Amino acid sequence: MGNGLSFFEYVKSSSNFVPFDTIRTYLQVMLNGSMNRDIPIKNLAGNIILFIPIGIYLPFFMGGRARKLGAALLFMMLILLLIESIQLVTRRGVFDIDDFILNMSGALIGFAIWRIKIVQKWLT
């Protein structure tokens, strides 16, 4: 498979299962100036902003249970775990729990936006 690593070796070398490890690293390099600030800002903010729409449109399109926080959280978590897993299985990216945390944050912000009555009225 591509780079000569077995799938399990690839998973081990291309995964971060330690919560806040990548986020902490990005915040540290921003504070100490050892990296161009654009890189961590784009990564952190991008992972949040990119998933705001899922939090808005999931309850809108799915209706019913997806309009309740618990069900919406479950759907969002499943979608995001699927995305992260596909990246790993296809070797087109890495599984990073911090990406999952940031993506979930964005989706929850989107869900909070969707809960605003005027937004719901505008979408329907």
N, C-alpha and C. Protein backbone atom coordinates (compact mmCIF):
# COMPACT_ATOMS: atom_id res chain seq x y z
N MET A 1 0.82 -1.19 0.00
CA MET A 1 0.00 0.00 0.00
C MET A 1 0.86 1.24 0.00
N GLY A 2 1.03 1.85 -1.11
CA GLY A 2 1.66 3.15 -1.24
C GLY A 2 3.01 3.33 -0.60
N ASN A 3 3.06 3.63 0.66
CA ASN A 3 4.30 4.01 1.32
C ASN A 3 5.03 2.85 2.00
N GLY A 4 4.59 1.63 1.79
CA GLY A 4 5.28 0.46 2.32
C GLY A 4 4.92 0.08 3.75
N LEU A 5 4.13 0.89 4.42
CA LEU A 5 3.72 0.56 5.78
C LEU A 5 2.48 -0.32 5.75
N SER A 6 2.40 -1.24 6.70
CA SER A 6 1.15 -1.99 6.83
C SER A 6 0.07 -1.01 7.30
N PHE A 7 -1.17 -1.41 7.17
CA PHE A 7 -2.26 -0.51 7.58
C PHE A 7 -2.13 -0.12 9.05
N PHE A 8 -1.82 -1.08 9.91
CA PHE A 8 -1.71 -0.79 11.34
C PHE A 8 -0.53 0.11 11.65
N GLU A 9 0.57 -0.05 10.93
CA GLU A 9 1.71 0.87 11.11
C GLU A 9 1.32 2.27 10.66
N TYR A 10 0.58 2.32 9.56
CA TYR A 10 0.14 3.62 9.05
C TYR A 10 -0.80 4.30 10.06
N VAL A 11 -1.74 3.54 10.62
CA VAL A 11 -2.66 4.09 11.62
C VAL A 11 -1.87 4.64 12.80
N LYS A 12 -0.91 3.87 13.26
CA LYS A 12 -0.11 4.29 14.42
C LYS A 12 0.67 5.57 14.12
N SER A 13 1.24 5.66 12.92
CA SER A 13 2.07 6.82 12.59
C SER A 13 1.25 8.02 12.12
N SER A 14 -0.01 7.81 11.76
CA SER A 14 -0.82 8.89 11.18
C SER A 14 -2.05 9.21 12.01
N SER A 15 -1.98 8.99 13.30
CA SER A 15 -3.14 9.24 14.15
C SER A 15 -2.74 10.00 15.40
N ASN A 16 -3.66 10.80 15.87
CA ASN A 16 -3.50 11.46 17.15
C ASN A 16 -4.76 11.16 17.95
N PHE A 17 -4.62 10.35 18.97
CA PHE A 17 -5.74 10.00 19.83
C PHE A 17 -5.68 10.73 21.17
N VAL A 18 -4.72 11.66 21.32
CA VAL A 18 -4.54 12.40 22.57
C VAL A 18 -5.29 13.72 22.45
N PRO A 19 -6.40 13.87 23.18
CA PRO A 19 -7.18 15.10 23.09
C PRO A 19 -6.36 16.34 23.44
N PHE A 20 -6.53 17.38 22.64
CA PHE A 20 -5.93 18.70 22.80
C PHE A 20 -4.42 18.73 22.55
N ASP A 21 -3.82 17.66 22.07
CA ASP A 21 -2.39 17.63 21.80
C ASP A 21 -2.02 18.59 20.67
N THR A 22 -2.70 18.46 19.54
CA THR A 22 -2.43 19.34 18.39
C THR A 22 -2.86 20.76 18.71
N ILE A 23 -4.00 20.92 19.34
CA ILE A 23 -4.48 22.26 19.70
C ILE A 23 -3.48 22.95 20.61
N ARG A 24 -3.00 22.24 21.63
CA ARG A 24 -2.02 22.80 22.57
C ARG A 24 -0.73 23.20 21.82
N THR A 25 -0.29 22.34 20.92
CA THR A 25 0.93 22.64 20.15
C THR A 25 0.75 23.91 19.34
N TYR A 26 -0.39 24.03 18.65
CA TYR A 26 -0.64 25.23 17.85
C TYR A 26 -0.70 26.48 18.73
N LEU A 27 -1.34 26.38 19.88
CA LEU A 27 -1.40 27.54 20.77
C LEU A 27 -0.02 27.93 21.29
N GLN A 28 0.80 26.91 21.60
CA GLN A 28 2.16 27.20 22.08
C GLN A 28 3.00 27.89 21.01
N VAL A 29 2.95 27.41 19.78
CA VAL A 29 3.77 28.03 18.74
C VAL A 29 3.26 29.43 18.39
N MET A 30 1.96 29.66 18.57
CA MET A 30 1.44 31.01 18.36
C MET A 30 1.97 31.96 19.44
N LEU A 31 2.02 31.47 20.68
CA LEU A 31 2.47 32.30 21.78
C LEU A 31 3.97 32.56 21.75
N ASN A 32 4.74 31.54 21.40
CA ASN A 32 6.20 31.73 21.41
C ASN A 32 6.75 32.21 20.07
N GLY A 33 5.90 32.32 19.06
CA GLY A 33 6.31 32.87 17.77
C GLY A 33 7.20 31.98 16.94
N SER A 34 7.25 30.67 17.25
CA SER A 34 8.15 29.78 16.51
C SER A 34 7.56 29.31 15.17
N MET A 35 6.35 29.74 14.86
CA MET A 35 5.73 29.37 13.60
C MET A 35 4.92 30.57 13.12
N ASN A 36 4.82 30.71 11.82
CA ASN A 36 3.98 31.74 11.24
C ASN A 36 2.57 31.57 11.82
N ARG A 37 2.02 32.61 12.40
CA ARG A 37 0.71 32.51 13.06
C ARG A 37 -0.43 32.13 12.12
N ASP A 38 -0.26 32.38 10.85
CA ASP A 38 -1.32 32.05 9.89
C ASP A 38 -1.62 30.56 9.88
N ILE A 39 -0.61 29.73 10.03
CA ILE A 39 -0.79 28.28 9.95
C ILE A 39 -1.69 27.77 11.07
N PRO A 40 -1.36 28.04 12.35
CA PRO A 40 -2.26 27.54 13.41
C PRO A 40 -3.63 28.21 13.39
N ILE A 41 -3.69 29.49 13.07
CA ILE A 41 -4.98 30.17 13.04
C ILE A 41 -5.87 29.57 11.97
N LYS A 42 -5.31 29.36 10.78
CA LYS A 42 -6.10 28.76 9.70
C LYS A 42 -6.53 27.34 10.05
N ASN A 43 -5.66 26.59 10.71
CA ASN A 43 -6.01 25.22 11.07
C ASN A 43 -7.08 25.19 12.14
N LEU A 44 -6.89 25.94 13.20
CA LEU A 44 -7.84 25.93 14.31
C LEU A 44 -9.18 26.54 13.90
N ALA A 45 -9.13 27.75 13.36
CA ALA A 45 -10.37 28.43 12.97
C ALA A 45 -11.03 27.72 11.79
N GLY A 46 -10.22 27.24 10.85
CA GLY A 46 -10.77 26.56 9.69
C GLY A 46 -11.54 25.31 10.06
N ASN A 47 -11.01 24.53 10.99
CA ASN A 47 -11.70 23.31 11.43
C ASN A 47 -13.01 23.62 12.15
N ILE A 48 -13.10 24.78 12.75
CA ILE A 48 -14.36 25.18 13.41
C ILE A 48 -15.33 25.73 12.36
N ILE A 49 -14.87 26.71 11.60
CA ILE A 49 -15.74 27.40 10.64
C ILE A 49 -16.29 26.45 9.58
N LEU A 50 -15.46 25.52 9.13
CA LEU A 50 -15.87 24.60 8.07
C LEU A 50 -17.08 23.76 8.45
N PHE A 51 -17.28 23.51 9.74
CA PHE A 51 -18.36 22.62 10.16
C PHE A 51 -19.56 23.34 10.78
N ILE A 52 -19.54 24.67 10.79
CA ILE A 52 -20.73 25.41 11.24
C ILE A 52 -21.94 25.07 10.37
N PRO A 53 -21.79 25.00 9.05
CA PRO A 53 -22.97 24.68 8.22
C PRO A 53 -23.62 23.33 8.56
N ILE A 54 -22.84 22.33 8.93
CA ILE A 54 -23.45 21.03 9.26
C ILE A 54 -24.38 21.16 10.46
N GLY A 55 -24.01 22.00 11.40
CA GLY A 55 -24.86 22.21 12.57
C GLY A 55 -26.14 22.95 12.24
N ILE A 56 -26.09 23.76 11.19
CA ILE A 56 -27.28 24.49 10.75
C ILE A 56 -28.17 23.60 9.89
N TYR A 57 -27.56 22.93 8.92
CA TYR A 57 -28.35 22.20 7.93
C TYR A 57 -28.77 20.80 8.35
N LEU A 58 -28.07 20.17 9.27
CA LEU A 58 -28.47 18.84 9.72
C LEU A 58 -29.89 18.83 10.29
N PRO A 59 -30.21 19.69 11.25
CA PRO A 59 -31.59 19.68 11.75
C PRO A 59 -32.59 20.18 10.70
N PHE A 60 -32.14 21.08 9.84
CA PHE A 60 -33.04 21.61 8.81
C PHE A 60 -33.45 20.51 7.84
N PHE A 61 -32.49 19.76 7.31
CA PHE A 61 -32.79 18.74 6.31
C PHE A 61 -33.32 17.44 6.92
N MET A 62 -32.84 17.08 8.10
CA MET A 62 -33.26 15.81 8.68
C MET A 62 -34.53 15.95 9.51
N GLY A 63 -34.78 17.15 10.04
CA GLY A 63 -35.99 17.37 10.82
C GLY A 63 -36.09 16.44 12.01
N GLY A 64 -37.30 16.26 12.51
CA GLY A 64 -37.59 15.32 13.59
C GLY A 64 -36.59 15.32 14.72
N ARG A 65 -36.03 14.15 14.96
CA ARG A 65 -35.10 13.96 16.09
C ARG A 65 -33.86 14.82 15.97
N ALA A 66 -33.39 15.08 14.76
CA ALA A 66 -32.17 15.86 14.57
C ALA A 66 -32.32 17.29 15.07
N ARG A 67 -33.54 17.68 15.41
CA ARG A 67 -33.77 19.03 15.92
C ARG A 67 -33.58 19.10 17.43
N LYS A 68 -33.36 17.96 18.06
CA LYS A 68 -33.08 17.92 19.49
C LYS A 68 -31.58 17.79 19.68
N LEU A 69 -31.05 18.45 20.68
CA LEU A 69 -29.60 18.51 20.88
C LEU A 69 -28.96 17.12 20.96
N GLY A 70 -29.52 16.22 21.74
CA GLY A 70 -28.91 14.89 21.91
C GLY A 70 -28.80 14.13 20.59
N ALA A 71 -29.88 14.12 19.83
CA ALA A 71 -29.86 13.41 18.55
C ALA A 71 -28.94 14.11 17.57
N ALA A 72 -28.97 15.45 17.55
CA ALA A 72 -28.09 16.20 16.65
C ALA A 72 -26.63 15.90 16.99
N LEU A 73 -26.30 15.86 18.28
CA LEU A 73 -24.93 15.53 18.70
C LEU A 73 -24.52 14.15 18.19
N LEU A 74 -25.40 13.19 18.34
CA LEU A 74 -25.11 11.83 17.88
C LEU A 74 -24.87 11.80 16.37
N PHE A 75 -25.76 12.42 15.61
CA PHE A 75 -25.59 12.46 14.15
C PHE A 75 -24.28 13.14 13.77
N MET A 76 -23.99 14.29 14.40
CA MET A 76 -22.77 15.03 14.09
C MET A 76 -21.54 14.20 14.43
N MET A 77 -21.56 13.54 15.58
CA MET A 77 -20.41 12.72 15.98
C MET A 77 -20.20 11.59 14.98
N LEU A 78 -21.26 10.94 14.56
CA LEU A 78 -21.14 9.84 13.60
C LEU A 78 -20.59 10.33 12.27
N ILE A 79 -21.10 11.46 11.79
CA ILE A 79 -20.62 12.02 10.53
C ILE A 79 -19.14 12.36 10.63
N LEU A 80 -18.75 13.02 11.71
CA LEU A 80 -17.35 13.44 11.87
C LEU A 80 -16.41 12.25 12.06
N LEU A 81 -16.85 11.25 12.81
CA LEU A 81 -16.03 10.04 12.96
C LEU A 81 -15.87 9.33 11.62
N LEU A 82 -16.93 9.33 10.82
CA LEU A 82 -16.85 8.74 9.49
C LEU A 82 -15.84 9.49 8.62
N ILE A 83 -15.89 10.81 8.65
CA ILE A 83 -14.96 11.62 7.86
C ILE A 83 -13.51 11.35 8.29
N GLU A 84 -13.26 11.39 9.60
CA GLU A 84 -11.91 11.14 10.10
C GLU A 84 -11.45 9.72 9.75
N SER A 85 -12.32 8.75 9.86
CA SER A 85 -11.97 7.36 9.55
C SER A 85 -11.69 7.17 8.07
N ILE A 86 -12.48 7.81 7.21
CA ILE A 86 -12.26 7.71 5.77
C ILE A 86 -10.89 8.27 5.41
N GLN A 87 -10.52 9.38 6.02
CA GLN A 87 -9.19 9.95 5.77
C GLN A 87 -8.10 8.94 6.10
N LEU A 88 -8.28 8.24 7.20
CA LEU A 88 -7.28 7.28 7.65
C LEU A 88 -7.25 6.05 6.74
N VAL A 89 -8.41 5.49 6.46
CA VAL A 89 -8.49 4.27 5.66
C VAL A 89 -7.98 4.50 4.24
N THR A 90 -8.31 5.66 3.67
CA THR A 90 -7.88 5.94 2.30
C THR A 90 -6.47 6.52 2.24
N ARG A 91 -5.88 6.74 3.41
CA ARG A 91 -4.54 7.32 3.51
C ARG A 91 -4.45 8.68 2.83
N ARG A 92 -5.53 9.43 2.92
CA ARG A 92 -5.59 10.78 2.35
C ARG A 92 -5.52 11.84 3.45
N GLY A 93 -5.22 11.42 4.62
CA GLY A 93 -5.14 12.33 5.74
C GLY A 93 -4.84 11.55 7.00
N VAL A 94 -5.02 12.20 8.12
CA VAL A 94 -4.75 11.55 9.40
C VAL A 94 -6.00 11.59 10.26
N PHE A 95 -6.07 10.68 11.21
CA PHE A 95 -7.14 10.71 12.20
C PHE A 95 -6.61 11.53 13.36
N ASP A 96 -7.22 12.68 13.57
CA ASP A 96 -6.77 13.56 14.65
C ASP A 96 -7.97 13.89 15.53
N ILE A 97 -7.92 13.45 16.76
CA ILE A 97 -9.02 13.68 17.69
C ILE A 97 -9.24 15.17 17.90
N ASP A 98 -8.18 15.96 17.75
CA ASP A 98 -8.32 17.41 17.88
C ASP A 98 -9.13 17.99 16.72
N ASP A 99 -8.96 17.45 15.52
CA ASP A 99 -9.82 17.88 14.40
C ASP A 99 -11.27 17.56 14.73
N PHE A 100 -11.50 16.39 15.29
CA PHE A 100 -12.85 16.00 15.68
C PHE A 100 -13.42 16.98 16.70
N ILE A 101 -12.62 17.36 17.70
CA ILE A 101 -13.06 18.30 18.74
C ILE A 101 -13.39 19.66 18.11
N LEU A 102 -12.51 20.15 17.25
CA LEU A 102 -12.73 21.44 16.60
C LEU A 102 -13.93 21.38 15.66
N ASN A 103 -14.06 20.29 14.90
CA ASN A 103 -15.20 20.14 13.99
C ASN A 103 -16.51 20.09 14.77
N MET A 104 -16.52 19.35 15.89
CA MET A 104 -17.71 19.29 16.73
C MET A 104 -18.05 20.66 17.29
N SER A 105 -17.04 21.41 17.67
CA SER A 105 -17.27 22.77 18.17
C SER A 105 -17.97 23.61 17.11
N GLY A 106 -17.48 23.52 15.88
CA GLY A 106 -18.11 24.25 14.78
C GLY A 106 -19.54 23.80 14.54
N ALA A 107 -19.76 22.49 14.55
CA ALA A 107 -21.10 21.96 14.34
C ALA A 107 -22.05 22.41 15.45
N LEU A 108 -21.56 22.45 16.68
CA LEU A 108 -22.39 22.91 17.80
C LEU A 108 -22.70 24.40 17.70
N ILE A 109 -21.73 25.17 17.23
CA ILE A 109 -21.99 26.60 17.00
C ILE A 109 -23.08 26.74 15.93
N GLY A 110 -22.96 25.95 14.88
CA GLY A 110 -23.98 25.96 13.83
C GLY A 110 -25.35 25.56 14.36
N PHE A 111 -25.39 24.54 15.22
CA PHE A 111 -26.66 24.11 15.81
C PHE A 111 -27.25 25.23 16.66
N ALA A 112 -26.41 25.93 17.41
CA ALA A 112 -26.88 27.05 18.23
C ALA A 112 -27.43 28.16 17.34
N ILE A 113 -26.77 28.41 16.22
CA ILE A 113 -27.27 29.40 15.26
C ILE A 113 -28.62 28.96 14.73
N TRP A 114 -28.74 27.67 14.37
CA TRP A 114 -29.99 27.15 13.84
C TRP A 114 -31.13 27.30 14.85
N ARG A 115 -30.82 27.19 16.14
CA ARG A 115 -31.85 27.28 17.18
C ARG A 115 -32.44 28.69 17.31
N ILE A 116 -31.78 29.67 16.74
CA ILE A 116 -32.31 31.05 16.77
C ILE A 116 -33.54 31.10 15.87
N LYS A 117 -34.63 31.51 16.42
CA LYS A 117 -35.93 31.48 15.71
C LYS A 117 -35.88 32.18 14.36
N ILE A 118 -35.23 33.34 14.29
CA ILE A 118 -35.20 34.07 13.02
C ILE A 118 -34.44 33.29 11.94
N VAL A 119 -33.44 32.52 12.34
CA VAL A 119 -32.70 31.69 11.38
C VAL A 119 -33.60 30.57 10.88
N GLN A 120 -34.33 29.93 11.78
CA GLN A 120 -35.25 28.88 11.37
C GLN A 120 -36.31 29.43 10.43
N LYS A 121 -36.81 30.61 10.73
CA LYS A 121 -37.83 31.23 9.87
C LYS A 121 -37.24 31.55 8.50
N TRP A 122 -36.01 32.02 8.48
CA TRP A 122 -35.34 32.39 7.23
C TRP A 122 -35.10 31.16 6.36
N LEU A 123 -34.78 30.01 6.99
CA LEU A 123 -34.48 28.78 6.25
C LEU A 123 -35.74 28.08 5.74
N THR A 124 -36.87 28.32 6.34
CA THR A 124 -38.08 27.61 5.90
C THR A 124 -38.95 28.43 5.00
